[in-house]
Protein backbone atom coordinates (compact mmCIF):
# COMPACT_ATOMS: atom_id res chain seq x y z
CA MET A 1 33.77 52.07 70.61
CA GLN A 2 31.65 49.42 71.94
CA ASN A 3 32.80 46.38 71.42
CA THR A 4 30.30 44.99 68.68
CA SER A 5 30.24 40.98 70.07
CA HIS A 6 28.84 42.37 73.29
CA ALA A 7 26.15 44.40 71.16
CA MET A 8 25.29 41.19 69.22
CA GLY A 9 24.64 39.38 72.69
CA LYS A 10 21.87 42.04 73.64
CA PHE A 11 20.47 42.28 70.51
CA VAL A 12 20.38 38.26 70.71
CA THR A 13 18.91 38.06 73.86
CA GLY A 14 16.42 40.65 73.44
CA MET A 15 15.54 38.83 70.14
CA ALA A 16 15.39 35.82 72.09
CA ALA A 17 13.08 37.57 75.29
CA GLY A 18 10.31 38.98 72.31
CA MET A 19 10.18 35.74 70.92
CA VAL A 20 9.47 34.36 74.68
CA ALA A 21 6.71 36.41 75.26
CA GLY A 22 5.06 36.59 72.13
CA ALA A 23 4.96 33.12 71.96
CA ALA A 24 3.19 33.16 75.82
CA LEU A 25 1.09 35.63 74.43
CA GLY A 26 -0.10 33.99 71.34
CA SER A 27 -1.02 30.93 73.10
CA LEU A 28 -2.57 32.84 75.76
CA LEU A 29 -5.01 34.84 73.38
CA ALA A 30 -5.48 31.81 71.02
CA PRO A 31 -9.07 31.04 70.37
CA SER A 32 -10.38 27.80 70.90
CA GLY A 33 -10.76 24.82 68.03
CA ARG A 34 -14.42 25.82 68.58
CA ASP A 35 -14.48 29.27 68.23
CA LEU A 36 -12.87 28.19 64.87
CA LYS A 37 -15.45 26.61 63.93
CA ARG A 38 -18.13 28.79 64.47
CA ALA A 39 -16.19 31.95 62.90
CA ALA A 40 -15.14 29.37 59.45
CA HIS A 41 -18.51 28.72 59.56
CA ARG A 42 -20.33 32.45 59.47
CA ALA A 43 -17.25 32.92 57.06
CA ALA A 44 -18.45 30.23 54.09
CA LYS A 45 -22.32 31.17 55.17
CA LYS A 46 -20.73 34.99 54.16
CA VAL A 47 -19.44 34.07 51.62
CA ASN A 48 -22.24 32.07 49.99
CA GLN A 49 -24.89 35.18 50.90
CA ALA A 50 -22.27 37.10 48.62
CA VAL A 51 -22.36 34.99 46.28
CA ASP A 52 -25.87 35.20 45.74
CA HIS A 53 -26.07 37.99 45.86
CA PHE A 54 -23.65 38.77 42.82
CA THR A 55 -25.24 36.33 40.66
CA ASP A 56 -29.33 37.64 41.34
CA THR A 57 -27.80 41.07 40.50
CA LEU A 58 -26.20 39.06 36.93
CA ASP A 59 -29.74 37.17 36.76
CA LEU A 60 -27.84 34.53 36.61
């Protein structure tokens, strides 16, 4: 039978390593502020177009 405190230590160590790796990868792949603003502008434009099409369909 395996020592449960040893297994818990391995689990916590693995979890911490995964969190560190995820944080590092996330910071490398994070878009710049300019990219976020551009994407938000495009999304808002598409929403406005969708609303326009919807209201045209309803003849409002």
